Amino acid sequence: MHCCNLPYMMVPKYIDNDINENCIFEYSWFDNYFEGADRNAYFIKNNDNYLGMVFVNENLQFNKKGKSIAEFLILPKYRRNHLGKRVAYEIFNKLKGNWEVQPMENNPIAYFFGITL
């Protein structure tokens, strides 16, 4: 499945993924978010437009139980209107419990967003 690969094309300076023979950035765990009980995938839509995505898993670094934001993306043209913050809080409220949010330190925008939640 390739529906989440476009966002990775937009942030190549922040990730180490390589481009495959089909010119797509691979995301090794994509299918797991639709098969595993410990993972959830959410696609953010408005009418027929996809605005972004959130992938949640239970791969924790600091807590024994809880959830972690594995991937969080709002497409650039939908940013700067607090959509990301609204979506994050909606996910936190939907999946109650302990949360870990680890933004990429080499991505200053993601890092700032993560520490302000």
PDB file of N, CA and C in Angstrom:
ATOM      1  N   MET A   1       0.848  -1.175   0.000  1.00  0.00           N
ATOM      2  CA  MET A   1       0.000   0.000   0.000  1.00  0.00           C
ATOM      3  C   MET A   1       0.895   1.239   0.000  1.00  0.00           C
ATOM      4  N   HIS A   2       0.537   2.248  -0.783  1.00  0.00           N
ATOM      5  CA  HIS A   2       1.394   3.414  -0.927  1.00  0.00           C
ATOM      6  C   HIS A   2       0.747   4.720  -0.511  1.00  0.00           C
ATOM      7  N   CYS A   3      -0.430   4.694   0.077  1.00  0.00           N
ATOM      8  CA  CYS A   3      -1.128   5.958   0.304  1.00  0.00           C
ATOM      9  C   CYS A   3      -0.429   6.857   1.304  1.00  0.00           C
ATOM     10  N   CYS A   4       0.478   6.358   2.110  1.00  0.00           N
ATOM     11  CA  CYS A   4       1.154   7.254   3.049  1.00  0.00           C
ATOM     12  C   CYS A   4       2.526   7.659   2.559  1.00  0.00           C
ATOM     13  N   ASN A   5       2.925   7.253   1.394  1.00  0.00           N
ATOM     14  CA  ASN A   5       4.267   7.548   0.936  1.00  0.00           C
ATOM     15  C   ASN A   5       4.454   8.974   0.442  1.00  0.00           C
ATOM     16  N   LEU A   6       3.419   9.611  -0.048  1.00  0.00           N
ATOM     17  CA  LEU A   6       3.553  10.985  -0.509  1.00  0.00           C
ATOM     18  C   LEU A   6       4.055  11.923   0.589  1.00  0.00           C
ATOM     19  N   PRO A   7       3.537  11.852   1.805  1.00  0.00           N
ATOM     20  CA  PRO A   7       4.056  12.759   2.831  1.00  0.00           C
ATOM     21  C   PRO A   7       5.553  12.614   3.052  1.00  0.00           C
ATOM     22  N   TYR A   8       6.096  11.412   2.921  1.00  0.00           N
ATOM     23  CA  TYR A   8       7.521  11.235   3.117  1.00  0.00           C
ATOM     24  C   TYR A   8       8.339  11.880   2.008  1.00  0.00           C
ATOM     25  N   MET A   9       7.745  12.076   0.863  1.00  0.00           N
ATOM     26  CA  MET A   9       8.444  12.780  -0.203  1.00  0.00           C
ATOM     27  C   MET A   9       8.632  14.252   0.164  1.00  0.00           C
ATOM     28  N   MET A  10       7.817  14.749   1.063  1.00  0.00           N
ATOM     29  CA  MET A  10       7.848  16.167   1.402  1.00  0.00           C
ATOM     30  C   MET A  10       8.829  16.486   2.523  1.00  0.00           C
ATOM     31  N   VAL A  11       9.362  15.487   3.228  1.00  0.00           N
ATOM     32  CA  VAL A  11      10.256  15.758   4.347  1.00  0.00           C
ATOM     33  C   VAL A  11      11.559  14.957   4.272  1.00  0.00           C
ATOM     34  N   PRO A  12      12.139  14.765   3.087  1.00  0.00           N
ATOM     35  CA  PRO A  12      13.303  13.888   2.985  1.00  0.00           C
ATOM     36  C   PRO A  12      14.509  14.365   3.781  1.00  0.00           C
ATOM     37  N   LYS A  13      14.635  15.644   4.073  1.00  0.00           N
ATOM     38  CA  LYS A  13      15.812  16.090   4.817  1.00  0.00           C
ATOM     39  C   LYS A  13      15.759  15.688   6.282  1.00  0.00           C
ATOM     40  N   TYR A  14      14.603  15.208   6.754  1.00  0.00           N
ATOM     41  CA  TYR A  14      14.474  14.824   8.152  1.00  0.00           C
ATOM     42  C   TYR A  14      14.463  13.318   8.388  1.00  0.00           C
ATOM     43  N   ILE A  15      14.459  12.512   7.333  1.00  0.00           N
ATOM     44  CA  ILE A  15      14.377  11.065   7.507  1.00  0.00           C
ATOM     45  C   ILE A  15      15.490  10.381   6.733  1.00  0.00           C
ATOM     46  N   ASP A  16      15.741   9.123   7.094  1.00  0.00           N
ATOM     47  CA  ASP A  16      16.809   8.352   6.457  1.00  0.00           C
ATOM     48  C   ASP A  16      16.310   7.361   5.413  1.00  0.00           C
ATOM     49  N   ASN A  17      15.021   7.323   5.159  1.00  0.00           N
ATOM     50  CA  ASN A  17      14.475   6.363   4.201  1.00  0.00           C
ATOM     51  C   ASN A  17      15.041   6.602   2.806  1.00  0.00           C
ATOM     52  N   ASP A  18      15.240   5.502   2.091  1.00  0.00           N
ATOM     53  CA  ASP A  18      15.705   5.585   0.714  1.00  0.00           C
ATOM     54  C   ASP A  18      14.514   5.515  -0.241  1.00  0.00           C
ATOM     55  N   ILE A  19      14.733   5.931  -1.452  1.00  0.00           N
ATOM     56  CA  ILE A  19      13.713   5.835  -2.494  1.00  0.00           C
ATOM     57  C   ILE A  19      13.841   4.465  -3.149  1.00  0.00           C
ATOM     58  N   ASN A  20      12.708   3.761  -3.327  1.00  0.00           N
ATOM     59  CA  ASN A  20      12.768   2.437  -3.947  1.00  0.00           C
ATOM     60  C   ASN A  20      12.746   2.564  -5.472  1.00  0.00           C
ATOM     61  N   GLU A  21      12.645   1.418  -6.144  1.00  0.00           N
ATOM     62  CA  GLU A  21      12.677   1.410  -7.614  1.00  0.00           C
ATOM     63  C   GLU A  21      11.464   2.089  -8.240  1.00  0.00           C
ATOM     64  N   ASN A  22      10.399   2.308  -7.458  1.00  0.00           N
ATOM     65  CA  ASN A  22       9.213   3.018  -7.948  1.00  0.00           C
ATOM     66  C   ASN A  22       9.203   4.492  -7.551  1.00  0.00           C
ATOM     67  N   CYS A  23      10.356   4.971  -7.078  1.00  0.00           N
ATOM     68  CA  CYS A  23      10.517   6.368  -6.642  1.00  0.00           C
ATOM     69  C   CYS A  23       9.596   6.715  -5.469  1.00  0.00           C
ATOM     70  N   ILE A  24       9.437   5.774  -4.550  1.00  0.00           N
ATOM     71  CA  ILE A  24       8.614   5.967  -3.362  1.00  0.00           C
ATOM     72  C   ILE A  24       9.483   5.752  -2.131  1.00  0.00           C
ATOM     73  N   PHE A  25       9.317   6.609  -1.132  1.00  0.00           N
ATOM     74  CA  PHE A  25       9.960   6.370   0.147  1.00  0.00           C
ATOM     75  C   PHE A  25       9.205   5.244   0.845  1.00  0.00           C
ATOM     76  N   GLU A  26       9.924   4.206   1.196  1.00  0.00           N
ATOM     77  CA  GLU A  26       9.307   3.063   1.870  1.00  0.00           C
ATOM     78  C   GLU A  26       9.115   3.366   3.353  1.00  0.00           C
ATOM     79  N   TYR A  27       8.039   2.849   3.904  1.00  0.00           N
ATOM     80  CA  TYR A  27       7.774   2.912   5.336  1.00  0.00           C
ATOM     81  C   TYR A  27       7.507   1.483   5.772  1.00  0.00           C
ATOM     82  N   SER A  28       8.500   0.846   6.355  1.00  0.00           N
ATOM     83  CA  SER A  28       8.481  -0.593   6.624  1.00  0.00           C
ATOM     84  C   SER A  28       7.307  -1.065   7.464  1.00  0.00           C
ATOM     85  N   TRP A  29       6.796  -0.232   8.348  1.00  0.00           N
ATOM     86  CA  TRP A  29       5.766  -0.663   9.300  1.00  0.00           C
ATOM     87  C   TRP A  29       4.360  -0.280   8.861  1.00  0.00           C
ATOM     88  N   PHE A  30       4.193   0.255   7.648  1.00  0.00           N
ATOM     89  CA  PHE A  30       2.892   0.769   7.220  1.00  0.00           C
ATOM     90  C   PHE A  30       1.777  -0.264   7.381  1.00  0.00           C
ATOM     91  N   ASP A  31       1.949  -1.457   6.843  1.00  0.00           N
ATOM     92  CA  ASP A  31       0.902  -2.487   6.905  1.00  0.00           C
ATOM     93  C   ASP A  31       0.568  -2.880   8.339  1.00  0.00           C
ATOM     94  N   ASN A  32       1.552  -2.810   9.236  1.00  0.00           N
ATOM     95  CA  ASN A  32       1.317  -3.178  10.637  1.00  0.00           C
ATOM     96  C   ASN A  32       0.253  -2.308  11.294  1.00  0.00           C
ATOM     97  N   TYR A  33       0.102  -1.089  10.842  1.00  0.00           N
ATOM     98  CA  TYR A  33      -0.888  -0.195  11.446  1.00  0.00           C
ATOM     99  C   TYR A  33      -2.316  -0.585  11.097  1.00  0.00           C
ATOM    100  N   PHE A  34      -2.481  -1.522  10.191  1.00  0.00           N
ATOM    101  CA  PHE A  34      -3.807  -1.992   9.806  1.00  0.00           C
ATOM    102  C   PHE A  34      -4.028  -3.441  10.217  1.00  0.00           C
ATOM    103  N   GLU A  35      -3.017  -4.059  10.824  1.00  0.00           N
ATOM    104  CA  GLU A  35      -3.101  -5.462  11.200  1.00  0.00           C
ATOM    105  C   GLU A  35      -2.904  -5.688  12.688  1.00  0.00           C
ATOM    106  N   GLY A  36      -2.072  -4.906  13.325  1.00  0.00           N
ATOM    107  CA  GLY A  36      -1.717  -5.138  14.719  1.00  0.00           C
ATOM    108  C   GLY A  36      -2.673  -4.487  15.702  1.00  0.00           C
ATOM    109  N   ALA A  37      -2.925  -5.184  16.795  1.00  0.00           N
ATOM    110  CA  ALA A  37      -3.805  -4.645  17.838  1.00  0.00           C
ATOM    111  C   ALA A  37      -3.125  -3.528  18.627  1.00  0.00           C
ATOM    112  N   ASP A  38      -1.803  -3.452  18.555  1.00  0.00           N
ATOM    113  CA  ASP A  38      -1.071  -2.433  19.308  1.00  0.00           C
ATOM    114  C   ASP A  38      -0.751  -1.192  18.466  1.00  0.00           C
ATOM    115  N   ARG A  39      -1.391  -1.061  17.303  1.00  0.00           N
ATOM    116  CA  ARG A  39      -1.144   0.079  16.411  1.00  0.00           C
ATOM    117  C   ARG A  39      -2.462   0.582  15.840  1.00  0.00           C
ATOM    118  N   ASN A  40      -2.520   1.886  15.584  1.00  0.00           N
ATOM    119  CA  ASN A  40      -3.702   2.503  14.988  1.00  0.00           C
ATOM    120  C   ASN A  40      -3.253   3.519  13.950  1.00  0.00           C
ATOM    121  N   ALA A  41      -3.978   3.586  12.852  1.00  0.00           N
ATOM    122  CA  ALA A  41      -3.727   4.584  11.813  1.00  0.00           C
ATOM    123  C   ALA A  41      -4.975   5.455  11.683  1.00  0.00           C
ATOM    124  N   TYR A  42      -4.764   6.745  11.647  1.00  0.00           N
ATOM    125  CA  TYR A  42      -5.859   7.698  11.469  1.00  0.00           C
ATOM    126  C   TYR A  42      -5.497   8.617  10.309  1.00  0.00           C
ATOM    127  N   PHE A  43      -6.429   8.764   9.386  1.00  0.00           N
ATOM    128  CA  PHE A  43      -6.231   9.678   8.275  1.00  0.00           C
ATOM    129  C   PHE A  43      -7.160  10.860   8.484  1.00  0.00           C
ATOM    130  N   ILE A  44      -6.633  12.037   8.375  1.00  0.00           N
ATOM    131  CA  ILE A  44      -7.374  13.269   8.634  1.00  0.00           C
ATOM    132  C   ILE A  44      -7.967  13.735   7.320  1.00  0.00           C
ATOM    133  N   LYS A  45      -9.294  13.827   7.302  1.00  0.00           N
ATOM    134  CA  LYS A  45      -9.988  14.207   6.071  1.00  0.00           C
ATOM    135  C   LYS A  45     -10.948  15.357   6.333  1.00  0.00           C
ATOM    136  N   ASN A  46     -11.156  16.141   5.296  1.00  0.00           N
ATOM    137  CA  ASN A  46     -12.198  17.158   5.272  1.00  0.00           C
ATOM    138  C   ASN A  46     -12.903  16.981   3.930  1.00  0.00           C
ATOM    139  N   ASN A  47     -14.154  16.536   3.994  1.00  0.00           N
ATOM    140  CA  ASN A  47     -14.880  16.148   2.781  1.00  0.00           C
ATOM    141  C   ASN A  47     -14.076  15.067   2.069  1.00  0.00           C
ATOM    142  N   ASP A  48     -13.669  15.265   0.843  1.00  0.00           N
ATOM    143  CA  ASP A  48     -12.903  14.252   0.118  1.00  0.00           C
ATOM    144  C   ASP A  48     -11.399  14.507   0.141  1.00  0.00           C
ATOM    145  N   ASN A  49     -10.950  15.509   0.878  1.00  0.00           N
ATOM    146  CA  ASN A  49      -9.532  15.868   0.897  1.00  0.00           C
ATOM    147  C   ASN A  49      -8.827  15.262   2.100  1.00  0.00           C
ATOM    148  N   TYR A  50      -7.716  14.609   1.845  1.00  0.00           N
ATOM    149  CA  TYR A  50      -6.864  14.128   2.932  1.00  0.00           C
ATOM    150  C   TYR A  50      -5.975  15.279   3.379  1.00  0.00           C
ATOM    151  N   LEU A  51      -6.004  15.569   4.677  1.00  0.00           N
ATOM    152  CA  LEU A  51      -5.238  16.679   5.229  1.00  0.00           C
ATOM    153  C   LEU A  51      -3.977  16.203   5.944  1.00  0.00           C
ATOM    154  N   GLY A  52      -3.952  14.935   6.313  1.00  0.00           N
ATOM    155  CA  GLY A  52      -2.798  14.416   7.034  1.00  0.00           C
ATOM    156  C   GLY A  52      -3.059  13.036   7.585  1.00  0.00           C
ATOM    157  N   MET A  53      -2.199  12.631   8.541  1.00  0.00           N
ATOM    158  CA  MET A  53      -2.309  11.298   9.121  1.00  0.00           C
ATOM    159  C   MET A  53      -1.656  11.284  10.494  1.00  0.00           C
ATOM    160  N   VAL A  54      -2.077  10.315  11.296  1.00  0.00           N
ATOM    161  CA  VAL A  54      -1.475  10.070  12.604  1.00  0.00           C
ATOM    162  C   VAL A  54      -1.352   8.558  12.761  1.00  0.00           C
ATOM    163  N   PHE A  55      -0.151   8.089  13.087  1.00  0.00           N
ATOM    164  CA  PHE A  55       0.062   6.674  13.387  1.00  0.00           C
ATOM    165  C   PHE A  55       0.421   6.575  14.865  1.00  0.00           C
ATOM    166  N   VAL A  56      -0.280   5.682  15.565  1.00  0.00           N
ATOM    167  CA  VAL A  56      -0.099   5.500  17.003  1.00  0.00           C
ATOM    168  C   VAL A  56       0.339   4.064  17.256  1.00  0.00           C
ATOM    169  N   ASN A  57       1.304   3.892  18.152  1.00  0.00           N
ATOM    170  CA  ASN A  57       1.700   2.542  18.529  1.00  0.00           C
ATOM    171  C   ASN A  57       1.969   2.485  20.036  1.00  0.00           C
ATOM    172  N   GLU A  58       2.452   1.350  20.500  1.00  0.00           N
ATOM    173  CA  GLU A  58       2.756   1.168  21.921  1.00  0.00           C
ATOM    174  C   GLU A  58       4.245   0.948  22.145  1.00  0.00           C
ATOM    175  N   ASN A  59       5.075   1.419  21.244  1.00  0.00           N
ATOM    176  CA  ASN A  59       6.530   1.328  21.390  1.00  0.00           C
ATOM    177  C   ASN A  59       6.996   2.482  22.263  1.00  0.00           C
ATOM    178  N   LEU A  60       7.065   2.227  23.551  1.00  0.00           N
ATOM    179  CA  LEU A  60       7.355   3.277  24.522  1.00  0.00           C
ATOM    180  C   LEU A  60       8.806   3.247  24.959  1.00  0.00           C
ATOM    181  N   GLN A  61       9.331   4.418  25.278  1.00  0.00           N
ATOM    182  CA  GLN A  61      10.699   4.521  25.764  1.00  0.00           C
ATOM    183  C   GLN A  61      10.759   4.790  27.257  1.00  0.00           C
ATOM    184  N   PHE A  62       9.723   5.432  27.811  1.00  0.00           N
ATOM    185  CA  PHE A  62       9.788   5.866  29.205  1.00  0.00           C
ATOM    186  C   PHE A  62       8.727   5.247  30.107  1.00  0.00           C
ATOM    187  N   ASN A  63       7.605   4.826  29.553  1.00  0.00           N
ATOM    188  CA  ASN A  63       6.517   4.240  30.327  1.00  0.00           C
ATOM    189  C   ASN A  63       6.390   2.761  30.003  1.00  0.00           C
ATOM    190  N   LYS A  64       5.811   2.009  30.943  1.00  0.00           N
ATOM    191  CA  LYS A  64       5.574   0.586  30.705  1.00  0.00           C
ATOM    192  C   LYS A  64       4.284   0.368  29.931  1.00  0.00           C
ATOM    193  N   LYS A  65       3.299   1.247  30.128  1.00  0.00           N
ATOM    194  CA  LYS A  65       2.013   1.134  29.434  1.00  0.00           C
ATOM    195  C   LYS A  65       1.647   2.502  28.878  1.00  0.00           C
ATOM    196  N   GLY A  66       0.996   2.484  27.738  1.00  0.00           N
ATOM    197  CA  GLY A  66       0.544   3.732  27.142  1.00  0.00           C
ATOM    198  C   GLY A  66       0.630   3.680  25.633  1.00  0.00           C
ATOM    199  N   LYS A  67       0.573   4.854  25.045  1.00  0.00           N
ATOM    200  CA  LYS A  67       0.601   5.002  23.586  1.00  0.00           C
ATOM    201  C   LYS A  67       1.678   6.003  23.199  1.00  0.00           C
ATOM    202  N   SER A  68       2.085   5.895  21.953  1.00  0.00           N
ATOM    203  CA  SER A  68       3.097   6.800  21.410  1.00  0.00           C
ATOM    204  C   SER A  68       2.673   7.251  20.013  1.00  0.00           C
ATOM    205  N   ILE A  69       2.911   8.511  19.723  1.00  0.00           N
ATOM    206  CA  ILE A  69       2.690   9.005  18.364  1.00  0.00           C
ATOM    207  C   ILE A  69       3.916   8.585  17.551  1.00  0.00           C
ATOM    208  N   ALA A  70       3.713   7.672  16.621  1.00  0.00           N
ATOM    209  CA  ALA A  70       4.823   7.198  15.788  1.00  0.00           C
ATOM    210  C   ALA A  70       5.044   8.132  14.609  1.00  0.00           C
ATOM    211  N   GLU A  71       3.963   8.564  13.986  1.00  0.00           N
ATOM    212  CA  GLU A  71       4.023   9.472  12.835  1.00  0.00           C
ATOM    213  C   GLU A  71       2.883  10.459  12.957  1.00  0.00           C
ATOM    214  N   PHE A  72       3.179  11.694  12.632  1.00  0.00           N
ATOM    215  CA  PHE A  72       2.159  12.740  12.691  1.00  0.00           C
ATOM    216  C   PHE A  72       2.442  13.702  11.554  1.00  0.00           C
ATOM    217  N   LEU A  73       1.469  13.875  10.689  1.00  0.00           N
ATOM    218  CA  LEU A  73       1.695  14.753   9.547  1.00  0.00           C
ATOM    219  C   LEU A  73       0.424  15.512   9.206  1.00  0.00           C
ATOM    220  N   ILE A  74       0.558  16.808   9.088  1.00  0.00           N
ATOM    221  CA  ILE A  74      -0.458  17.664   8.475  1.00  0.00           C
ATOM    222  C   ILE A  74       0.195  18.198   7.206  1.00  0.00           C
ATOM    223  N   LEU A  75      -0.447  18.009   6.068  1.00  0.00           N
ATOM    224  CA  LEU A  75       0.132  18.502   4.812  1.00  0.00           C
ATOM    225  C   LEU A  75       0.365  20.007   4.910  1.00  0.00           C
ATOM    226  N   PRO A  76       1.459  20.493   4.331  1.00  0.00           N
ATOM    227  CA  PRO A  76       1.846  21.900   4.507  1.00  0.00           C
ATOM    228  C   PRO A  76       0.750  22.924   4.234  1.00  0.00           C
ATOM    229  N   LYS A  77      -0.062  22.723   3.220  1.00  0.00           N
ATOM    230  CA  LYS A  77      -1.054  23.756   2.913  1.00  0.00           C
ATOM    231  C   LYS A  77      -2.179  23.822   3.946  1.00  0.00           C
ATOM    232  N   TYR A  78      -2.261  22.828   4.867  1.00  0.00           N
ATOM    233  CA  TYR A  78      -3.287  22.844   5.910  1.00  0.00           C
ATOM    234  C   TYR A  78      -2.719  23.205   7.279  1.00  0.00           C
ATOM    235  N   ARG A  79      -1.455  23.552   7.339  1.00  0.00           N
ATOM    236  CA  ARG A  79      -0.811  23.919   8.611  1.00  0.00           C
ATOM    237  C   ARG A  79      -1.085  25.381   8.950  1.00  0.00           C
ATOM    238  N   ARG A  80      -0.704  25.743  10.149  1.00  0.00           N
ATOM    239  CA  ARG A  80      -0.752  27.133  10.647  1.00  0.00           C
ATOM    240  C   ARG A  80      -2.170  27.578  11.015  1.00  0.00           C
ATOM    241  N   ASN A  81      -3.086  26.638  11.233  1.00  0.00           N
ATOM    242  CA  ASN A  81      -4.428  27.026  11.674  1.00  0.00           C
ATOM    243  C   ASN A  81      -4.865  26.176  12.866  1.00  0.00           C
ATOM    244  N   HIS A  82      -3.909  25.609  13.580  1.00  0.00           N
ATOM    245  CA  HIS A  82      -4.130  24.818  14.796  1.00  0.00           C
ATOM    246  C   HIS A  82      -4.784  23.461  14.530  1.00  0.00           C
ATOM    247  N   LEU A  83      -4.836  23.030  13.280  1.00  0.00           N
ATOM    248  CA  LEU A  83      -5.392  21.722  12.968  1.00  0.00           C
ATOM    249  C   LEU A  83      -4.590  20.625  13.660  1.00  0.00           C
ATOM    250  N   GLY A  84      -3.279  20.720  13.621  1.00  0.00           N
ATOM    251  CA  GLY A  84      -2.431  19.702  14.250  1.00  0.00           C
ATOM    252  C   GLY A  84      -2.710  19.562  15.733  1.00  0.00           C
ATOM    253  N   LYS A  85      -2.822  20.668  16.414  1.00  0.00           N
ATOM    254  CA  LYS A  85      -3.096  20.628  17.856  1.00  0.00           C
ATOM    255  C   LYS A  85      -4.479  20.031  18.124  1.00  0.00           C
ATOM    256  N   ARG A  86      -5.471  20.415  17.326  1.00  0.00           N
ATOM    257  CA  ARG A  86      -6.821  19.863  17.506  1.00  0.00           C
ATOM    258  C   ARG A  86      -6.825  18.348  17.280  1.00  0.00           C
ATOM    259  N   VAL A  87      -6.134  17.906  16.240  1.00  0.00           N
ATOM    260  CA  VAL A  87      -6.073  16.474  15.941  1.00  0.00           C
ATOM    261  C   VAL A  87      -5.344  15.734  17.067  1.00  0.00           C
ATOM    262  N   ALA A  88      -4.221  16.264  17.530  1.00  0.00           N
ATOM    263  CA  ALA A  88      -3.468  15.609  18.601  1.00  0.00           C
ATOM    264  C   ALA A  88      -4.339  15.435  19.839  1.00  0.00           C
ATOM    265  N   TYR A  89      -5.029  16.477  20.259  1.00  0.00           N
ATOM    266  CA  TYR A  89      -5.875  16.367  21.449  1.00  0.00           C
ATOM    267  C   TYR A  89      -7.052  15.428  21.224  1.00  0.00           C
ATOM    268  N   GLU A  90      -7.569  15.376  20.014  1.00  0.00           N
ATOM    269  CA  GLU A  90      -8.646  14.439  19.713  1.00  0.00           C
ATOM    270  C   GLU A  90      -8.159  12.994  19.850  1.00  0.00           C
ATOM    271  N   ILE A  91      -6.943  12.723  19.368  1.00  0.00           N
ATOM    272  CA  ILE A  91      -6.363  11.384  19.496  1.00  0.00           C
ATOM    273  C   ILE A  91      -6.100  11.065  20.974  1.00  0.00           C
ATOM    274  N   PHE A  92      -5.540  12.024  21.724  1.00  0.00           N
ATOM    275  CA  PHE A  92      -5.278  11.802  23.151  1.00  0.00           C
ATOM    276  C   PHE A  92      -6.576  11.482  23.892  1.00  0.00           C
ATOM    277  N   ASN A  93      -7.651  12.181  23.561  1.00  0.00           N
ATOM    278  CA  ASN A  93      -8.939  11.940  24.223  1.00  0.00           C
ATOM    279  C   ASN A  93      -9.574  10.625  23.790  1.00  0.00           C
ATOM    280  N   LYS A  94      -9.362  10.243  22.554  1.00  0.00           N
ATOM    281  CA  LYS A  94      -9.932   8.982  22.044  1.00  0.00           C
ATOM    282  C   LYS A  94      -9.257   7.778  22.689  1.00  0.00           C
ATOM    283  N   LEU A  95      -7.954   7.842  22.843  1.00  0.00           N
ATOM    284  CA  LEU A  95      -7.165   6.742  23.403  1.00  0.00           C
ATOM    285  C   LEU A  95      -6.591   7.185  24.743  1.00  0.00           C
ATOM    286  N   LYS A  96      -7.408   7.166  25.751  1.00  0.00           N
ATOM    287  CA  LYS A  96      -7.011   7.656  27.084  1.00  0.00           C
ATOM    288  C   LYS A  96      -5.843   6.850  27.636  1.00  0.00           C
ATOM    289  N   GLY A  97      -5.022   7.509  28.444  1.00  0.00           N
ATOM    290  CA  GLY A  97      -3.907   6.841  29.104  1.00  0.00           C
ATOM    291  C   GLY A  97      -2.644   7.667  29.021  1.00  0.00           C
ATOM    292  N   ASN A  98      -1.524   7.030  29.329  1.00  0.00           N
ATOM    293  CA  ASN A  98      -0.215   7.685  29.250  1.00  0.00           C
ATOM    294  C   ASN A  98       0.197   7.829  27.797  1.00  0.00           C
ATOM    295  N   TRP A  99       0.837   8.944  27.501  1.00  0.00           N
ATOM    296  CA  TRP A  99       1.283   9.224  26.135  1.00  0.00           C
ATOM    297  C   TRP A  99       2.747   9.608  26.116  1.00  0.00           C
ATOM    298  N   GLU A 100       3.417   9.190  25.073  1.00  0.00           N
ATOM    299  CA  GLU A 100       4.764   9.661  24.771  1.00  0.00           C
ATOM    300  C   GLU A 100       4.739  10.304  23.390  1.00  0.00           C
ATOM    301  N   VAL A 101       5.265  11.506  23.319  1.00  0.00           N
ATOM    302  CA  VAL A 101       5.380  12.226  22.053  1.00  0.00           C
ATOM    303  C   VAL A 101       6.849  12.565  21.885  1.00  0.00           C
ATOM    304  N   GLN A 102       7.480  11.956  20.899  1.00  0.00           N
ATOM    305  CA  GLN A 102       8.909  12.133  20.656  1.00  0.00           C
ATOM    306  C   GLN A 102       9.129  12.759  19.282  1.00  0.00           C
ATOM    307  N   PRO A 103       9.081  14.079  19.160  1.00  0.00           N
ATOM    308  CA  PRO A 103       9.315  14.686  17.841  1.00  0.00           C
ATOM    309  C   PRO A 103      10.768  14.506  17.412  1.00  0.00           C
ATOM    310  N   MET A 104      10.981  14.493  16.107  1.00  0.00           N
ATOM    311  CA  MET A 104      12.338  14.386  15.585  1.00  0.00           C
ATOM    312  C   MET A 104      13.113  15.643  15.971  1.00  0.00           C
ATOM    313  N   GLU A 105      14.216  15.447  16.655  1.00  0.00           N
ATOM    314  CA  GLU A 105      15.015  16.588  17.097  1.00  0.00           C
ATOM    315  C   GLU A 105      15.651  17.340  15.935  1.00  0.00           C
ATOM    316  N   ASN A 106      15.873  16.662  14.816  1.00  0.00           N
ATOM    317  CA  ASN A 106      16.487  17.334  13.672  1.00  0.00           C
ATOM    318  C   ASN A 106      15.455  18.062  12.808  1.00  0.00           C
ATOM    319  N   ASN A 107      14.177  18.017  13.215  1.00  0.00           N
ATOM    320  CA  ASN A 107      13.112  18.733  12.511  1.00  0.00           C
ATOM    321  C   ASN A 107      12.583  19.800  13.465  1.00  0.00           C
ATOM    322  N   PRO A 108      13.072  21.033  13.362  1.00  0.00           N
ATOM    323  CA  PRO A 108      12.701  22.061  14.336  1.00  0.00           C
ATOM    324  C   PRO A 108      11.213  22.350  14.412  1.00  0.00           C
ATOM    325  N   ILE A 109      10.507  22.246  13.300  1.00  0.00           N
ATOM    326  CA  ILE A 109       9.062  22.507  13.326  1.00  0.00           C
ATOM    327  C   ILE A 109       8.349  21.409  14.113  1.00  0.00           C
ATOM    328  N   ALA A 110       8.679  20.153  13.843  1.00  0.00           N
ATOM    329  CA  ALA A 110       8.064  19.036  14.572  1.00  0.00           C
ATOM    330  C   ALA A 110       8.449  19.085  16.044  1.00  0.00           C
ATOM    331  N   TYR A 111       9.701  19.419  16.325  1.00  0.00           N
ATOM    332  CA  TYR A 111      10.159  19.473  17.711  1.00  0.00           C
ATOM    333  C   TYR A 111       9.387  20.542  18.481  1.00  0.00           C
ATOM    334  N   PHE A 112       9.243  21.726  17.908  1.00  0.00           N
ATOM    335  CA  PHE A 112       8.507  22.799  18.571  1.00  0.00           C
ATOM    336  C   PHE A 112       7.055  22.404  18.773  1.00  0.00           C
ATOM    337  N   PHE A 113       6.444  21.790  17.752  1.00  0.00           N
ATOM    338  CA  PHE A 113       5.054  21.349  17.861  1.00  0.00           C
ATOM    339  C   PHE A 113       4.912  20.343  18.999  1.00  0.00           C
ATOM    340  N   GLY A 114       5.822  19.371  19.054  1.00  0.00           N
ATOM    341  CA  GLY A 114       5.745  18.321  20.079  1.00  0.00           C
ATOM    342  C   GLY A 114       5.890  18.845  21.483  1.00  0.00           C
ATOM    343  N   ILE A 115       6.778  19.793  21.703  1.00  0.00           N
ATOM    344  CA  ILE A 115       6.965  20.291  23.070  1.00  0.00           C
ATOM    345  C   ILE A 115       5.877  21.255  23.491  1.00  0.00           C
ATOM    346  N   THR A 116       5.075  21.744  22.557  1.00  0.00           N
ATOM    347  CA  THR A 116       3.990  22.646  22.938  1.00  0.00           C
ATOM    348  C   THR A 116       2.676  21.926  23.194  1.00  0.00           C
ATOM    349  N   LEU A 117       2.615  20.611  22.968  1.00  0.00           N
ATOM    350  CA  LEU A 117       1.363  19.887  23.210  1.00  0.00           C
ATOM    351  C   LEU A 117       1.062  19.762  24.678  1.00  0.00           C
TER     352      LEU A 117
END
